[in-house]
Amino acid sequence: MKVEKKVIGELTKCYSIAPLHYAGKDHFLVAAEKVDRCLLFDLDGNEEDTVWSEPGGVMTMVQVPGSDGQFLATHKFYSPNDSKEAKIVIVTPVEKGNWQIRTLAALPHVHRFDILERNGVRYLIACALKSGHEYKDDWSMPGKVYAAVLPDDLSGFDEEHQLELQVIKDNMLKNHGYYQVDEDGVETAVISAENGVYQFIPPQNPEDNWEIKQFLDTPASDAVLVDLDEDGEKELAVLSPFHGDNISIYKKQDGTYKKVYDYGKPASFTHALFGGMLCGRPTVVIGHREGERNLLAFTWNREAQEYQVQVLDSGCGPANIWKYNHNGNDVMIATNREINEVAMYTLRP
């Protein structure tokens, strides 16, 4: 792939990225991990608005489906050691420079969340990295996965009237990784923790239980399902362990996932992850935040019958990445947290 990079913004400890359809146009949001701004960009990379100046601590942002610019976001998750006051908020545009922010649910240590829809019902799924701590780097209280039906109308929620969440899985130590994966037309969640990689499938009816499958029982920081070799069966690309330096690919063999590839080089503090089509090929893109701080693209070489990797950028330290198509080109936005850089990569075959 040919890569053209453009720096479109500077934001201290930039972290979270999300698409946002607002005022008849597609945009994207970028927000900071620490106390700093949330910015709205158009797809050309022009900054259009400041959504908020603080408090920051934004791990995840997700548009409310069908809305005009309304989205949910985490606030006040500043680090694993400073996330007791974390919550999910509702953000609603009023006018340029004026975005209303209300509490949807206070959820200490909430790190990732998403909105999954099945049979016309929207579900909020939320992942808490841990359940509490008493001192720095205390991991004695494992995280949990929560869920709730998300009403179409969110106008009634605020600090005094919060959405009630139910625990659907507990004992999720270092419950860090999240990726939405479409499975046979159903929106599902691939969630990674110290005790393995799981797939959470929303119920067919709100009264039923979520279906939970375990793919691996080994520690993982993040994972995604992508059919890289296009044989009709998705491979499982895994970053491990928690904030670790290993990149591996697993294939399903006799009903279980077996490791078939290791990157072979240390990729310190693996973090950013994309899985999907890129320049017409199934691709997994991974960024790591320490060491060489590379942005790496993994594909399958049909001729050589092996996985291959291309370094898209180095010295950047991406926390998260998001891909879209614009003007006929694939574009990737990266929050290069370690150098406070919001970058746009235009990719061509």
Protein backbone atom coordinates (compact mmCIF):
# COMPACT_ATOMS: atom_id res chain seq x y z
CA MET A 1 0.00 0.00 0.00
CA LYS A 2 1.03 3.56 -0.64
CA VAL A 3 0.60 5.82 2.36
CA GLU A 4 0.14 9.58 2.43
CA LYS A 5 0.15 11.15 5.89
CA LYS A 6 -1.27 14.49 6.95
CA VAL A 7 -1.27 15.87 10.49
CA ILE A 8 -4.71 17.41 11.05
CA GLY A 9 -4.56 18.36 14.71
CA GLU A 10 -2.68 18.52 17.97
CA LEU A 11 -4.39 17.28 21.13
CA THR A 12 -2.62 16.33 24.35
CA LYS A 13 -2.93 12.58 25.01
CA CYS A 14 -5.42 12.23 22.14
CA TYR A 15 -7.17 8.90 22.43
CA SER A 16 -10.73 8.16 21.34
CA ILE A 17 -12.14 8.36 17.77
CA ALA A 18 -15.70 7.87 16.51
CA PRO A 19 -17.76 8.59 13.40
CA LEU A 20 -20.63 11.06 13.76
CA HIS A 21 -23.37 11.89 11.28
CA TYR A 22 -24.48 15.44 12.08
CA ALA A 23 -26.23 18.26 10.22
CA GLY A 24 -26.58 16.17 7.08
CA LYS A 25 -22.86 15.31 6.83
CA ASP A 26 -20.48 12.61 7.98
CA HIS A 27 -17.91 13.75 10.55
CA PHE A 28 -15.65 12.19 13.13
CA LEU A 29 -14.87 12.97 16.74
CA VAL A 30 -11.50 12.91 18.50
CA ALA A 31 -11.22 13.19 22.28
CA ALA A 32 -8.47 13.16 24.89
CA GLU A 33 -7.59 10.63 27.56
CA LYS A 34 -6.61 13.34 30.04
CA VAL A 35 -8.31 16.67 30.78
CA ASP A 36 -8.59 18.21 27.34
CA ARG A 37 -10.95 18.83 24.44
CA CYS A 38 -13.25 16.76 22.26
CA LEU A 39 -13.05 17.92 18.63
CA LEU A 40 -15.38 17.55 15.64
CA PHE A 41 -13.76 17.16 12.20
CA ASP A 42 -15.20 16.86 8.70
CA LEU A 43 -14.05 13.96 6.54
CA ASP A 44 -11.41 16.16 4.87
CA GLY A 45 -9.78 16.59 8.27
CA ASN A 46 -10.90 20.16 8.94
CA GLU A 47 -11.68 21.00 12.56
CA GLU A 48 -15.30 22.20 12.78
CA ASP A 49 -16.15 22.52 16.46
CA THR A 50 -15.09 21.95 20.07
CA VAL A 51 -17.66 19.69 21.69
CA TRP A 52 -16.26 20.17 25.20
CA SER A 53 -13.09 21.51 26.76
CA GLU A 54 -13.14 19.19 29.79
CA PRO A 55 -13.33 16.89 31.77
CA GLY A 56 -11.86 14.45 29.22
CA GLY A 57 -11.04 10.91 30.26
CA VAL A 58 -12.69 9.63 27.07
CA MET A 59 -12.17 5.94 26.26
CA THR A 60 -15.16 5.43 23.93
CA MET A 61 -17.66 7.46 21.88
CA VAL A 62 -20.63 5.97 19.99
CA GLN A 63 -23.35 7.76 18.02
CA VAL A 64 -26.94 7.09 19.05
CA PRO A 65 -28.32 5.28 15.96
CA GLY A 66 -30.63 7.38 13.81
CA SER A 67 -29.84 10.60 15.67
CA ASP A 68 -28.59 13.90 14.28
CA GLY A 69 -25.27 14.17 16.08
CA GLN A 70 -26.25 12.76 19.46
CA PHE A 71 -23.68 10.38 20.94
CA LEU A 72 -22.63 8.62 24.11
CA ALA A 73 -19.16 8.99 25.62
CA THR A 74 -17.13 7.94 28.61
CA HIS A 75 -15.96 10.74 30.88
CA LYS A 76 -13.35 10.76 33.67
CA PHE A 77 -11.51 7.54 32.85
CA TYR A 78 -8.05 9.08 33.02
CA SER A 79 -6.08 5.86 33.60
CA PRO A 80 -6.62 2.44 35.19
CA ASN A 81 -5.52 4.05 38.46
CA ASP A 82 -7.73 7.12 38.08
CA SER A 83 -11.14 5.97 36.89
CA LYS A 84 -13.34 5.65 39.99
CA GLU A 85 -15.51 8.57 38.83
CA ALA A 86 -15.93 7.30 35.26
CA LYS A 87 -19.39 7.52 33.72
CA ILE A 88 -21.23 7.28 30.41
CA VAL A 89 -22.72 10.60 29.26
CA ILE A 90 -25.24 11.64 26.61
CA VAL A 91 -23.99 14.42 24.33
CA THR A 92 -26.55 16.34 22.26
CA PRO A 93 -25.76 19.17 19.82
CA VAL A 94 -27.69 22.40 20.40
CA GLU A 95 -25.77 24.76 18.13
CA LYS A 96 -22.14 25.34 17.12
CA GLY A 97 -20.06 25.55 20.26
CA ASN A 98 -22.94 24.38 22.44
CA TRP A 99 -23.33 20.67 23.16
CA GLN A 100 -25.53 19.54 26.04
CA ILE A 101 -24.00 16.87 28.29
CA ARG A 102 -26.06 14.72 30.67
CA THR A 103 -25.27 11.59 32.67
CA LEU A 104 -26.65 8.32 31.33
CA ALA A 105 -25.02 6.04 33.90
CA ALA A 106 -22.29 6.44 36.49
CA LEU A 107 -20.14 3.32 36.12
CA PRO A 108 -16.76 3.34 37.90
CA HIS A 109 -13.87 2.13 35.72
CA VAL A 110 -16.02 1.91 32.56
CA HIS A 111 -13.55 1.62 29.70
CA ARG A 112 -15.30 0.40 26.55
CA PHE A 113 -18.98 0.39 25.63
CA ASP A 114 -21.10 0.08 22.52
CA ILE A 115 -24.64 0.08 21.17
CA LEU A 116 -25.62 -3.21 19.52
CA GLU A 117 -28.95 -3.69 17.74
CA ARG A 118 -30.82 -6.94 17.17
CA ASN A 119 -34.40 -7.44 15.99
CA GLY A 120 -35.10 -3.72 16.32
CA VAL A 121 -33.95 -3.52 19.96
CA ARG A 122 -30.89 -1.48 20.97
CA TYR A 123 -28.66 -2.76 23.72
CA LEU A 124 -25.98 -0.87 25.61
CA ILE A 125 -23.04 -3.14 26.47
CA ALA A 126 -20.45 -1.66 28.83
CA CYS A 127 -17.12 -3.06 30.01
CA ALA A 128 -15.54 -2.02 33.30
CA LEU A 129 -11.76 -2.57 33.35
CA LYS A 130 -11.89 -3.40 37.06
CA SER A 131 -14.46 -3.18 39.88
CA GLY A 132 -12.42 -1.07 42.28
CA HIS A 133 -8.97 -0.52 43.71
CA GLU A 134 -7.35 0.52 46.96
CA TYR A 135 -3.88 1.47 45.74
CA LYS A 136 -1.95 2.09 42.51
CA ASP A 137 -1.91 -0.90 40.13
CA ASP A 138 -4.34 -2.82 42.35
CA TRP A 139 -5.92 -5.55 40.17
CA SER A 140 -7.51 -7.52 43.00
CA MET A 141 -11.05 -6.61 41.93
CA PRO A 142 -11.77 -7.94 38.40
CA GLY A 143 -13.93 -6.03 35.95
CA LYS A 144 -17.39 -6.90 34.65
CA VAL A 145 -19.50 -6.65 31.52
CA TYR A 146 -22.85 -4.88 31.88
CA ALA A 147 -25.84 -4.53 29.57
CA ALA A 148 -29.23 -2.85 29.33
CA VAL A 149 -31.90 -2.16 26.75
CA LEU A 150 -31.26 1.37 25.47
CA PRO A 151 -34.52 3.30 24.98
CA ASP A 152 -35.01 5.20 21.72
CA ASP A 153 -35.68 8.39 23.69
CA LEU A 154 -32.82 9.35 26.01
CA SER A 155 -34.25 12.72 27.06
CA GLY A 156 -35.33 11.48 30.50
CA PHE A 157 -31.87 10.50 31.71
CA ASP A 158 -29.64 12.71 33.85
CA GLU A 159 -27.61 12.55 37.07
CA GLU A 160 -30.76 11.88 39.13
CA HIS A 161 -32.39 9.50 36.60
CA GLN A 162 -29.82 7.00 35.33
CA LEU A 163 -30.07 3.92 33.13
CA GLU A 164 -30.01 0.74 35.19
CA LEU A 165 -27.37 -1.75 34.04
CA GLN A 166 -27.25 -5.48 34.73
CA VAL A 167 -24.09 -7.59 35.07
CA ILE A 168 -23.98 -10.21 32.30
CA LYS A 169 -20.46 -11.50 33.10
CA ASP A 170 -18.19 -10.91 36.06
CA ASN A 171 -14.64 -11.91 37.03
CA MET A 172 -13.15 -10.25 33.93
CA LEU A 173 -9.63 -9.39 35.11
CA LYS A 174 -8.06 -6.53 33.10
CA ASN A 175 -11.21 -6.29 30.98
CA HIS A 176 -9.65 -4.11 28.28
CA GLY A 177 -10.39 -5.13 24.69
CA TYR A 178 -13.53 -4.44 22.67
CA TYR A 179 -14.34 -4.76 18.98
CA GLN A 180 -17.74 -4.91 17.25
CA VAL A 181 -17.90 -7.77 14.74
CA ASP A 182 -20.77 -8.62 12.38
CA GLU A 183 -21.54 -12.33 12.61
CA ASP A 184 -24.12 -13.61 10.10
CA GLY A 185 -25.87 -10.25 10.09
CA VAL A 186 -25.89 -9.93 13.90
CA GLU A 187 -23.92 -7.20 15.67
CA THR A 188 -21.71 -8.90 18.28
CA ALA A 189 -18.93 -7.86 20.66
CA VAL A 190 -15.47 -9.44 20.88
CA ILE A 191 -14.22 -8.70 24.40
CA SER A 192 -10.72 -9.46 25.67
CA ALA A 193 -9.45 -9.85 29.23
CA GLU A 194 -6.78 -11.62 31.25
CA ASN A 195 -8.93 -14.75 31.32
CA GLY A 196 -9.41 -14.91 27.57
CA VAL A 197 -11.23 -13.70 24.47
CA TYR A 198 -15.03 -13.86 24.35
CA GLN A 199 -17.86 -13.13 21.93
CA PHE A 200 -21.00 -11.56 23.37
CA ILE A 201 -24.15 -11.99 21.26
CA PRO A 202 -27.25 -9.91 22.06
CA PRO A 203 -30.45 -11.87 22.80
CA GLN A 204 -33.12 -12.37 20.16
CA ASN A 205 -35.59 -10.89 22.66
CA PRO A 206 -34.91 -8.52 25.57
CA GLU A 207 -36.25 -11.08 28.05
CA ASP A 208 -33.63 -13.65 27.02
CA ASN A 209 -30.01 -13.94 28.17
CA TRP A 210 -26.98 -12.86 26.19
CA GLU A 211 -25.05 -15.68 24.53
CA ILE A 212 -21.38 -15.74 25.54
CA LYS A 213 -18.78 -17.84 23.67
CA GLN A 214 -15.16 -18.20 24.74
CA PHE A 215 -12.61 -18.28 21.89
CA LEU A 216 -9.40 -18.40 23.96
CA ASP A 217 -8.54 -18.86 27.62
CA THR A 218 -5.16 -17.11 27.36
CA PRO A 219 -4.60 -13.47 28.43
CA ALA A 220 -5.41 -10.88 25.76
CA SER A 221 -5.50 -7.11 25.55
CA ASP A 222 -7.54 -6.80 22.32
CA ALA A 223 -8.79 -9.04 19.52
CA VAL A 224 -10.74 -8.93 16.26
CA LEU A 225 -12.20 -11.47 13.83
CA VAL A 226 -11.24 -11.02 10.15
CA ASP A 227 -11.10 -13.53 7.27
CA LEU A 228 -7.60 -12.55 6.20
CA ASP A 229 -6.93 -15.53 3.92
CA GLU A 230 -10.47 -15.39 2.49
CA ASP A 231 -11.17 -19.09 3.04
CA GLY A 232 -14.62 -18.38 4.49
CA GLU A 233 -13.53 -18.73 8.15
CA LYS A 234 -12.51 -15.67 10.14
CA GLU A 235 -9.11 -15.64 11.81
CA LEU A 236 -8.71 -14.22 15.29
CA ALA A 237 -6.03 -11.52 15.51
CA VAL A 238 -4.92 -11.06 19.12
CA LEU A 239 -2.83 -8.49 21.02
CA SER A 240 -1.46 -9.95 24.24
CA PRO A 241 -1.16 -9.85 27.17
CA PHE A 242 -2.70 -6.70 28.75
CA HIS A 243 -0.93 -3.75 27.05
CA GLY A 244 1.61 -6.36 25.97
CA ASP A 245 4.03 -6.73 23.08
CA ASN A 246 2.74 -9.81 21.24
CA ILE A 247 0.76 -9.89 17.98
CA SER A 248 -0.65 -13.29 17.00
CA ILE A 249 -3.15 -14.78 14.56
CA TYR A 250 -5.28 -17.83 15.34
CA LYS A 251 -7.26 -20.07 13.00
CA LYS A 252 -10.14 -22.33 13.94
CA GLN A 253 -9.10 -25.97 13.67
CA ASP A 254 -11.38 -28.80 14.81
CA GLY A 255 -13.64 -26.27 16.51
CA THR A 256 -10.96 -24.46 18.52
CA TYR A 257 -8.62 -21.58 17.77
CA LYS A 258 -4.97 -22.55 17.23
CA LYS A 259 -2.11 -20.09 16.87
CA VAL A 260 -0.75 -20.05 13.30
CA TYR A 261 1.28 -16.83 13.27
CA ASP A 262 3.39 -14.65 15.55
CA TYR A 263 4.71 -11.27 14.47
CA GLY A 264 8.08 -12.26 15.88
CA LYS A 265 9.16 -8.79 16.96
CA PRO A 266 8.32 -7.00 20.19
CA ALA A 267 5.55 -4.45 19.64
CA SER A 268 5.65 -2.80 23.05
CA PHE A 269 2.31 -1.63 24.49
CA THR A 270 0.06 -2.90 21.67
CA HIS A 271 -3.15 -0.89 21.59
CA ALA A 272 -4.67 0.47 18.36
CA LEU A 273 -6.65 -2.07 16.32
CA PHE A 274 -8.60 -2.16 13.04
CA GLY A 275 -9.90 -5.22 11.23
CA GLY A 276 -11.66 -5.09 7.86
CA MET A 277 -11.25 -4.25 4.20
CA LEU A 278 -8.42 -1.88 3.33
CA CYS A 279 -7.50 -1.10 -0.28
CA GLY A 280 -9.64 -4.03 -1.40
CA ARG A 281 -7.99 -6.60 0.86
CA PRO A 282 -8.90 -8.01 4.29
CA THR A 283 -6.44 -6.34 6.65
CA VAL A 284 -5.65 -6.05 10.33
CA VAL A 285 -3.95 -2.79 11.35
CA ILE A 286 -2.25 -2.60 14.75
CA GLY A 287 -0.47 0.24 16.51
CA HIS A 288 1.79 0.06 19.55
CA ARG A 289 2.63 2.88 21.92
CA GLU A 290 6.17 2.09 23.11
CA GLY A 291 9.43 0.99 21.51
CA GLU A 292 9.34 1.81 17.79
CA ARG A 293 5.72 3.02 18.13
CA ASN A 294 4.75 1.57 14.76
CA LEU A 295 1.50 1.39 12.83
CA LEU A 296 1.46 -2.06 11.18
CA ALA A 297 -0.76 -3.59 8.48
CA PHE A 298 -1.13 -7.40 8.34
CA THR A 299 -2.46 -9.15 5.22
CA TRP A 300 -2.35 -12.61 3.60
CA ASN A 301 0.00 -13.15 0.69
CA ARG A 302 -1.79 -15.60 -1.61
CA GLU A 303 1.27 -16.37 -3.73
CA ALA A 304 3.57 -17.12 -0.80
CA GLN A 305 0.73 -18.57 1.31
CA GLU A 306 1.82 -16.61 4.37
CA TYR A 307 0.92 -13.59 6.44
CA GLN A 308 2.86 -10.43 5.68
CA VAL A 309 3.27 -7.09 7.40
CA GLN A 310 3.84 -3.53 6.20
CA VAL A 311 4.95 -0.64 8.40
CA LEU A 312 2.58 2.24 7.63
CA ASP A 313 4.20 4.70 10.05
CA SER A 314 6.72 4.67 12.88
CA GLY A 315 7.53 6.82 15.88
CA CYS A 316 3.82 7.68 16.22
CA GLY A 317 2.44 5.60 19.12
CA PRO A 318 -1.24 5.24 18.13
CA ALA A 319 -3.84 4.68 20.85
CA ASN A 320 -6.76 4.11 18.44
CA ILE A 321 -7.48 4.07 14.70
CA TRP A 322 -10.61 4.42 12.59
CA LYS A 323 -11.03 3.80 8.86
CA TYR A 324 -13.51 5.21 6.32
CA ASN A 325 -13.80 5.74 2.58
CA HIS A 326 -13.76 9.29 1.20
CA ASN A 327 -13.54 10.54 -2.38
CA GLY A 328 -12.78 7.01 -3.55
CA ASN A 329 -9.87 6.51 -1.16
CA ASP A 330 -9.51 4.56 2.06
CA VAL A 331 -8.61 6.93 4.88
CA MET A 332 -7.44 6.06 8.38
CA ILE A 333 -7.48 8.43 11.33
CA ALA A 334 -5.04 7.71 14.16
CA THR A 335 -4.78 9.28 17.57
CA ASN A 336 -1.01 9.20 17.94
CA ARG A 337 -1.25 9.66 21.70
CA GLU A 338 2.45 9.50 22.47
CA ILE A 339 3.21 12.54 20.31
CA ASN A 340 -0.15 14.35 20.83
CA GLU A 341 -0.88 14.09 17.10
CA VAL A 342 -4.14 13.52 15.23
CA ALA A 343 -3.09 12.04 11.88
CA MET A 344 -4.87 11.26 8.62
CA TYR A 345 -3.47 8.47 6.44
CA THR A 346 -4.71 8.18 2.85
CA LEU A 347 -4.05 4.63 1.63
CA ARG A 348 -3.88 3.41 -1.95
CA PRO A 349 -3.02 -0.04 -3.39
